[in-house]
Protein backbone atom coordinates (compact mmCIF):
# COMPACT_ATOMS: atom_id res chain seq x y z
CA MET A 1 100.43 128.37 110.20
CA ASP A 2 97.01 129.53 111.19
CA PHE A 3 94.44 127.31 109.37
CA SER A 4 91.35 128.82 110.82
CA TYR A 5 88.89 130.53 108.46
CA ILE A 6 87.79 134.14 108.60
CA GLU A 7 84.11 134.95 109.26
CA GLU A 8 83.05 134.94 105.67
CA GLN A 9 84.87 131.68 104.91
CA GLN A 10 83.37 129.98 107.92
CA LEU A 11 79.77 131.14 106.83
CA LEU A 12 80.58 129.63 103.30
CA ALA A 13 81.64 126.40 104.92
CA ASP A 14 78.64 126.11 107.09
CA THR A 15 76.34 126.85 104.19
CA VAL A 16 77.87 124.34 101.73
CA ASN A 17 78.06 121.61 104.43
CA ARG A 18 74.45 121.98 105.30
CA LEU A 19 73.51 121.75 101.67
CA ILE A 20 75.50 118.52 101.12
CA GLU A 21 74.28 117.09 104.40
CA LYS A 22 70.56 117.88 103.74
CA GLU A 23 70.37 117.34 99.97
CA TYR A 24 73.08 115.00 99.04
CA ASP A 25 72.88 111.73 100.90
CA PHE A 26 74.05 108.41 99.50
CA GLU A 27 70.66 107.31 98.14
CA LYS A 28 70.08 110.51 96.36
CA ARG A 29 73.60 110.13 94.87
CA LYS A 30 72.64 106.76 93.45
CA ALA A 31 69.66 108.40 91.80
CA HIS A 32 71.79 111.15 90.32
CA LEU A 33 74.19 108.75 88.90
CA ALA A 34 71.19 106.67 87.29
CA ALA A 35 69.98 109.78 85.61
CA PRO A 36 70.61 110.00 81.77
CA GLU A 37 73.33 112.59 82.21
CA GLY A 38 74.89 111.00 85.23
CA PHE A 39 73.97 113.94 87.47
CA SER A 40 71.08 116.06 88.66
CA ARG A 41 70.29 119.29 86.85
CA ALA A 42 68.19 120.30 89.76
CA THR A 43 71.27 120.01 92.11
CA TRP A 44 73.23 122.06 89.39
CA ASP A 45 70.63 124.76 89.49
CA THR A 46 70.87 124.79 93.28
CA PHE A 47 74.59 125.26 93.06
CA ALA A 48 74.01 128.11 90.62
CA GLU A 49 71.55 129.92 92.93
CA MET A 50 73.99 129.62 95.79
CA GLY A 51 76.80 131.20 93.66
CA LEU A 52 78.98 128.21 93.86
CA LEU A 53 79.49 128.06 90.04
CA GLY A 54 80.72 131.59 90.09
CA LEU A 55 83.17 131.18 92.90
CA THR A 56 86.31 131.56 90.64
CA VAL A 57 84.89 133.85 88.01
CA PRO A 58 85.72 137.56 88.29
CA ALA A 59 83.19 139.95 89.54
CA ASP A 60 83.05 141.81 86.33
CA PHE A 61 81.65 138.70 84.76
CA GLY A 62 78.95 137.88 87.26
CA GLY A 63 81.07 135.76 89.64
CA PHE A 64 82.65 136.38 93.00
CA GLY A 65 86.35 136.35 92.35
CA ALA A 66 86.95 134.19 95.34
CA THR A 67 90.32 133.07 96.82
CA PRO A 68 91.57 129.57 96.31
CA VAL A 69 90.89 128.94 100.12
CA ASP A 70 87.27 129.56 99.27
CA THR A 71 87.44 126.96 96.52
CA MET A 72 89.09 124.70 98.87
CA ILE A 73 86.16 124.93 101.36
CA VAL A 74 83.64 124.03 98.61
CA MET A 75 85.64 121.24 97.26
CA GLU A 76 86.14 119.67 100.69
CA ALA A 77 82.35 119.59 101.06
CA ILE A 78 82.03 118.10 97.61
CA GLY A 79 84.51 115.45 98.55
CA ARG A 80 82.54 114.56 101.77
CA GLY A 81 79.37 114.30 99.79
CA LEU A 82 80.70 112.42 96.80
CA VAL A 83 79.06 114.94 94.59
CA VAL A 84 78.70 113.76 90.98
CA GLU A 85 77.82 117.03 89.26
CA PRO A 86 80.49 118.43 86.90
CA TYR A 87 81.88 121.03 89.14
CA PHE A 88 85.45 120.33 88.71
CA SER A 89 85.31 120.32 84.79
CA THR A 90 83.08 123.37 84.52
CA ALA A 91 83.57 125.61 87.71
CA ILE A 92 87.33 124.79 88.13
CA LEU A 93 88.99 124.01 84.81
CA GLY A 94 86.54 125.55 82.25
CA ALA A 95 85.85 128.70 84.28
CA ASN A 96 89.54 129.38 84.83
CA LEU A 97 90.63 128.66 81.17
CA ILE A 98 87.86 130.96 79.87
CA GLY A 99 88.49 133.59 82.48
CA LEU A 100 92.32 133.66 82.14
CA GLY A 101 92.69 133.09 78.38
CA ALA A 102 89.53 133.82 76.32
CA PRO A 103 89.00 137.27 74.58
CA ASP A 104 86.95 139.78 76.39
CA PRO A 105 83.92 139.33 74.07
CA VAL A 106 83.91 135.56 74.67
CA ARG A 107 84.23 136.02 78.49
CA LEU A 108 81.34 138.50 78.46
CA SER A 109 79.29 136.18 76.55
CA LEU A 110 80.08 132.83 78.26
CA LEU A 111 81.10 133.47 81.90
CA PRO A 112 77.72 134.78 82.96
CA GLN A 113 76.03 131.67 81.40
CA LEU A 114 78.43 129.43 83.28
CA VAL A 115 77.68 131.36 86.56
CA GLU A 116 73.98 130.95 86.04
CA GLY A 117 74.29 127.11 85.39
CA LYS A 118 73.38 127.38 81.72
CA LEU A 119 76.71 126.44 80.33
CA LEU A 120 78.72 123.32 80.97
CA VAL A 121 82.36 123.19 79.92
CA ALA A 122 84.67 120.23 79.49
CA VAL A 123 88.45 120.21 78.84
CA GLY A 124 90.35 117.79 76.74
CA TYR A 125 93.93 117.65 77.68
CA THR A 126 94.87 113.99 77.42
CA GLU A 127 95.29 111.64 74.51
CA ARG A 128 95.77 107.93 74.25
CA ASP A 129 99.51 108.03 74.38
CA SER A 130 100.04 111.23 76.39
CA ARG A 131 99.86 109.63 80.02
CA TYR A 132 100.13 112.88 82.22
CA GLU A 133 102.23 114.97 79.97
CA LEU A 134 100.26 118.09 78.96
CA ALA A 135 102.85 118.90 76.30
CA ASN A 136 102.30 115.47 74.52
CA VAL A 137 99.66 116.63 72.04
CA ALA A 138 99.07 115.02 68.57
CA LEU A 139 95.67 116.56 67.84
CA ALA A 140 96.42 118.69 64.77
CA ALA A 141 95.16 122.21 63.97
CA LYS A 142 95.85 123.38 60.50
CA LYS A 143 95.46 126.82 59.39
CA ASP A 144 92.25 127.34 57.40
CA GLY A 145 91.64 130.95 56.42
CA ALA A 146 91.21 133.11 59.61
CA GLY A 147 90.64 130.04 61.56
CA HIS A 148 91.92 126.37 61.99
CA LEU A 149 90.78 122.83 61.22
CA LEU A 150 90.98 120.39 64.04
CA ASN A 151 91.61 116.63 63.60
CA GLY A 152 92.42 114.16 66.30
CA VAL A 153 91.16 112.44 69.46
CA LYS A 154 90.97 113.42 73.14
CA SER A 155 90.56 110.76 75.81
CA VAL A 156 88.95 110.85 79.32
CA VAL A 157 87.37 114.10 78.89
CA LEU A 158 85.64 114.58 82.24
CA HIS A 159 81.93 115.14 81.63
CA GLY A 160 82.53 115.57 77.94
CA GLY A 161 79.28 113.89 76.92
CA THR A 162 77.15 116.54 78.62
CA ALA A 163 79.30 119.60 78.00
CA ASP A 164 77.95 122.45 75.73
CA ARG A 165 81.61 123.65 74.95
CA ILE A 166 84.82 121.59 75.00
CA ILE A 167 88.20 123.17 75.18
CA VAL A 168 90.96 121.20 73.60
CA SER A 169 94.77 121.43 73.26
CA ALA A 170 95.95 121.14 69.74
CA ARG A 171 99.25 121.04 67.90
CA THR A 172 99.69 124.25 65.69
CA ALA A 173 103.45 123.86 65.41
CA GLY A 174 106.33 121.56 66.25
CA GLY A 175 106.33 117.77 67.23
CA PRO A 176 104.13 115.72 69.43
CA ARG A 177 106.10 116.42 72.69
CA ASP A 178 107.26 119.96 72.01
CA ARG A 179 106.54 122.44 74.62
CA ASN A 180 106.08 125.10 71.95
CA GLY A 181 103.33 125.12 69.40
CA ILE A 182 100.32 124.26 71.50
CA THR A 183 97.13 126.14 71.12
CA LEU A 184 93.80 125.86 72.97
CA PHE A 185 90.53 125.95 71.09
CA MET A 186 86.94 126.02 72.34
CA VAL A 187 84.56 124.04 70.22
CA GLU A 188 80.80 123.23 70.54
CA ARG A 189 80.03 119.58 71.42
CA LYS A 190 77.38 119.46 68.74
CA ALA A 191 79.43 121.13 66.09
CA PRO A 192 79.93 119.41 62.71
CA GLY A 193 82.82 116.82 62.92
CA VAL A 194 82.68 116.43 66.64
CA SER A 195 81.76 112.91 67.97
CA VAL A 196 81.49 111.99 71.49
CA ARG A 197 81.52 108.46 73.04
CA ASP A 198 80.23 108.76 76.66
CA TYR A 199 81.13 106.26 79.40
CA ARG A 200 81.22 105.87 83.19
CA THR A 201 84.53 105.94 85.04
CA ILE A 202 85.45 103.75 87.87
CA ASP A 203 84.04 106.19 90.45
CA GLY A 204 80.75 106.26 88.67
CA LEU A 205 81.17 109.66 87.08
CA ARG A 206 81.31 110.35 83.46
CA ALA A 207 84.06 110.87 80.88
CA ALA A 208 84.08 110.79 77.13
CA GLU A 209 86.29 109.92 74.11
CA VAL A 210 85.98 113.05 71.83
CA THR A 211 86.73 112.76 68.14
CA LEU A 212 87.37 115.77 65.89
CA LYS A 213 87.30 115.42 62.11
CA ALA A 214 87.85 118.61 60.13
CA VAL A 215 86.20 120.72 62.84
CA LYS A 216 86.26 124.38 62.09
CA ALA A 217 87.52 126.61 64.86
CA GLY A 218 87.29 130.34 64.19
CA ALA A 219 89.62 133.00 65.62
CA ASP A 220 87.27 133.74 68.49
CA ALA A 221 87.48 129.94 69.49
CA MET A 222 91.22 130.35 70.42
CA ILE A 223 91.98 130.53 74.18
CA GLY A 224 95.33 132.04 75.29
CA GLY A 225 96.81 132.89 72.04
CA LEU A 226 98.41 131.11 69.05
CA ASP A 227 101.13 128.58 70.17
CA LYS A 228 100.85 129.85 73.84
CA GLY A 229 98.44 127.38 75.14
CA LEU A 230 100.65 125.09 77.18
CA GLU A 231 101.60 127.77 79.78
CA LEU A 232 98.00 128.61 80.42
CA LEU A 233 96.96 124.92 80.53
CA GLU A 234 99.69 124.23 83.13
CA ARG A 235 98.54 127.14 85.11
CA VAL A 236 94.96 126.01 85.31
CA ALA A 237 96.02 122.50 85.92
CA ASP A 238 97.82 123.58 89.13
CA ILE A 239 94.54 125.34 90.14
CA GLY A 240 92.76 122.07 89.44
CA ILE A 241 95.28 120.07 91.36
CA ALA A 242 94.70 122.32 94.39
CA ALA A 243 91.03 121.78 94.04
CA LEU A 244 91.42 118.05 93.78
CA CYS A 245 93.51 117.89 96.83
CA ALA A 246 90.81 119.64 98.81
CA GLU A 247 88.18 117.18 97.37
CA ALA A 248 90.35 114.21 98.54
CA VAL A 249 90.65 115.73 101.98
CA GLY A 250 86.88 115.89 102.20
CA ALA A 251 86.52 112.23 101.12
CA MET A 252 89.25 111.12 103.68
CA GLN A 253 87.48 112.94 106.44
CA ALA A 254 84.15 111.28 105.53
CA LEU A 255 85.94 107.75 105.45
CA ASN A 256 87.60 108.36 108.84
CA ALA A 257 84.29 109.43 110.46
CA ALA A 258 82.43 106.32 108.99
CA THR A 259 85.38 104.00 110.08
CA LEU A 260 85.42 105.49 113.54
CA GLU A 261 81.65 105.18 114.08
CA TYR A 262 81.90 101.46 112.77
CA LEU A 263 84.66 100.66 115.30
CA LYS A 264 82.47 102.09 118.08
CA THR A 265 79.37 99.97 117.24
CA ARG A 266 80.64 96.69 115.66
CA GLN A 267 80.85 94.13 118.49
CA GLN A 268 83.27 91.22 118.69
CA PHE A 269 83.81 89.02 121.69
CA GLY A 270 81.22 91.10 123.57
CA VAL A 271 82.94 94.49 123.12
CA PRO A 272 83.11 97.12 120.33
CA ILE A 273 86.13 96.30 118.10
CA GLY A 274 87.31 99.81 118.74
CA LYS A 275 88.61 98.55 122.00
CA PHE A 276 91.25 96.59 120.33
CA GLN A 277 94.66 98.33 120.47
CA ALA A 278 95.73 97.13 117.01
CA LEU A 279 92.50 98.77 115.37
CA GLN A 280 93.10 101.90 117.43
CA HIS A 281 96.51 102.25 116.05
CA ARG A 282 95.25 101.96 112.48
CA MET A 283 92.49 104.54 113.21
CA VAL A 284 95.07 106.98 114.51
CA GLU A 285 97.18 106.46 111.30
CA MET A 286 94.29 107.23 109.14
CA ILE A 287 93.55 110.41 110.94
CA ILE A 288 97.38 111.42 110.95
CA HIS A 289 97.34 110.78 107.05
CA ALA A 290 94.15 112.96 106.54
CA GLU A 291 95.55 115.78 108.76
CA GLN A 292 98.84 115.80 106.85
CA ALA A 293 96.81 115.80 103.55
CA LYS A 294 94.79 118.87 104.76
CA SER A 295 97.99 120.75 105.56
CA MET A 296 99.24 120.08 102.04
CA ALA A 297 95.95 121.03 100.54
CA PHE A 298 96.22 124.35 102.30
CA LEU A 299 99.82 124.75 100.84
CA ALA A 300 98.52 123.89 97.32
CA ALA A 301 95.71 126.51 97.82
CA ASP A 302 98.06 129.06 98.99
CA LYS A 303 100.42 128.71 96.01
CA CYS A 304 98.32 127.62 93.02
CA ARG A 305 97.84 131.11 91.67
CA SER A 306 101.41 132.18 92.20
CA GLU A 307 102.91 134.04 89.31
CA ASN A 308 106.18 132.10 89.90
CA ALA A 309 105.46 128.94 87.93
CA ALA A 310 108.35 126.96 89.55
CA GLU A 311 107.05 127.72 93.02
CA ARG A 312 103.50 126.98 92.04
CA ARG A 313 104.23 123.72 90.36
CA HIS A 314 106.48 122.49 93.23
CA ALA A 315 103.77 123.13 95.90
CA CYS A 316 101.09 121.62 93.95
CA SER A 317 103.02 118.56 92.90
CA ALA A 318 104.16 117.98 96.49
CA ALA A 319 100.51 118.23 97.67
CA LYS A 320 99.13 115.91 94.90
CA ALA A 321 101.96 113.29 95.61
CA LEU A 322 101.40 113.22 99.43
CA ILE A 323 97.56 113.24 99.02
CA GLY A 324 97.67 110.44 96.42
CA GLN A 325 99.48 108.34 98.95
CA ALA A 326 97.34 109.32 101.89
CA GLY A 327 94.09 108.64 100.02
CA ARG A 328 95.29 105.15 99.10
CA TYR A 329 96.18 104.31 102.66
CA VAL A 330 93.00 105.77 104.21
CA GLY A 331 90.79 104.08 101.60
CA GLN A 332 92.46 100.70 102.04
CA GLN A 333 92.38 100.68 105.75
CA ALA A 334 88.81 101.95 105.79
CA ILE A 335 87.66 98.92 103.66
CA GLN A 336 89.73 96.48 105.68
CA LEU A 337 88.41 97.75 108.96
CA HIS A 338 84.84 97.44 107.69
CA GLY A 339 85.44 93.74 106.77
CA GLY A 340 83.35 92.24 104.12
CA MET A 341 80.91 95.06 104.10
CA GLY A 342 83.54 97.48 102.94
CA MET A 343 83.73 95.59 99.58
CA THR A 344 79.95 96.00 98.81
CA ASP A 345 78.31 98.69 96.64
CA GLU A 346 75.65 99.05 99.28
CA LEU A 347 78.12 100.77 101.67
CA ASN A 348 79.59 104.09 100.71
CA VAL A 349 83.13 103.28 101.92
CA GLY A 350 84.10 101.61 98.57
CA HIS A 351 82.66 104.40 96.58
CA TYR A 352 84.82 106.96 98.47
CA PHE A 353 87.88 104.84 97.75
CA LYS A 354 87.05 104.66 94.07
CA ARG A 355 86.71 108.35 94.08
CA LEU A 356 90.08 108.84 95.82
CA THR A 357 91.57 106.52 93.29
CA MET A 358 90.28 108.58 90.32
CA ILE A 359 91.51 111.77 91.95
CA ASP A 360 94.96 110.27 92.25
CA THR A 361 95.00 109.65 88.51
CA THR A 362 93.50 112.96 87.42
CA LEU A 363 96.30 115.54 86.28
CA GLY A 364 98.99 113.03 87.40
CA ASP A 365 99.28 110.51 89.93
CA ALA A 366 101.44 110.32 93.07
CA ASP A 367 104.36 108.61 91.26
CA PHE A 368 104.30 111.23 88.47
CA HIS A 369 104.46 114.18 90.94
CA VAL A 370 107.09 112.61 93.13
CA ALA A 371 109.21 112.43 89.94
CA ARG A 372 108.36 115.87 88.99
CA VAL A 373 109.37 117.31 92.28
CA GLY A 374 112.59 115.25 92.28
CA ASP A 375 113.45 116.57 88.67
CA ALA A 376 112.97 120.09 89.84
CA MET A 377 115.14 119.68 92.79
CA LEU A 378 117.87 118.13 90.80
CA ALA A 379 117.77 120.96 88.20
CA ALA A 380 117.85 123.66 90.80
């Protein structure tokens, strides 16, 4: 398979990489994390000016309608830079849910705002007992005139504390684990009945516990149609998995580069430790894992928008499983090869490993996706 970029994609890669290298070093990242919102609004505005927020938004709504490979290029750069802005929650999950499922008036109203950086979106798809099962939904939506009343709790809502709108999955029919009867609703974070408890995740980013008590959701708040939310949510989750795989590849590439440089400069017994064959073998294994991960990230990007749900799910799960395993190996080896320094907050190595760990647990960890691939093969 030819993994080379066309001219426009190479230009995009060069532009985004220059931005990350110039404007997003490790010290600036610390400053962004220390900000009240946990990220930099100035950097977010820069992303908007460069058109990065509208990458997946159709051109009819002010975006670029770019390909998943274009998204992969941007997410790789985000992974290399350990970017903390809510790009995944807003520009990947939020933009695709609104773009694929919202009524035209809502899309015409919200998507241009999202592209301009004026609208932040979070998605609540997990609950305390749901683990990684998107169909395990207990948050209730009861009919109330032309709309619904929402009652329940969503957990680990990425960047939910700063989002302007939150899209939640709710149960409109059936039992807690039924695939039928799930509907998506979009509510305002500051709407009556919505309470948000914001906190940091292990990688330093933000998530929130979102509680809804008798929250009114009108007919225009529905995304994807009544009782038809799961299919759309699973479709966008696969798009999100492909994006996370690309981010993980970028993080692994940065870890490999940092570790290789350390092996060249750290001296032991009068020679660089990179001269020791055992450490060379470890470095080679790290590079092999990263290259395999990139190949699988390309596969996920190629298939994540397939209309064939089984094909799409198989490719994305296979990629997520391998990349979860690769990220753990590369992260652990990078920390060990850096010695005691690798355990300190002052060095970025540990922060990359924390981000890789969080990526692994977002939208299903490696074990979950291995089981999903296995179940699909047995059912075939």
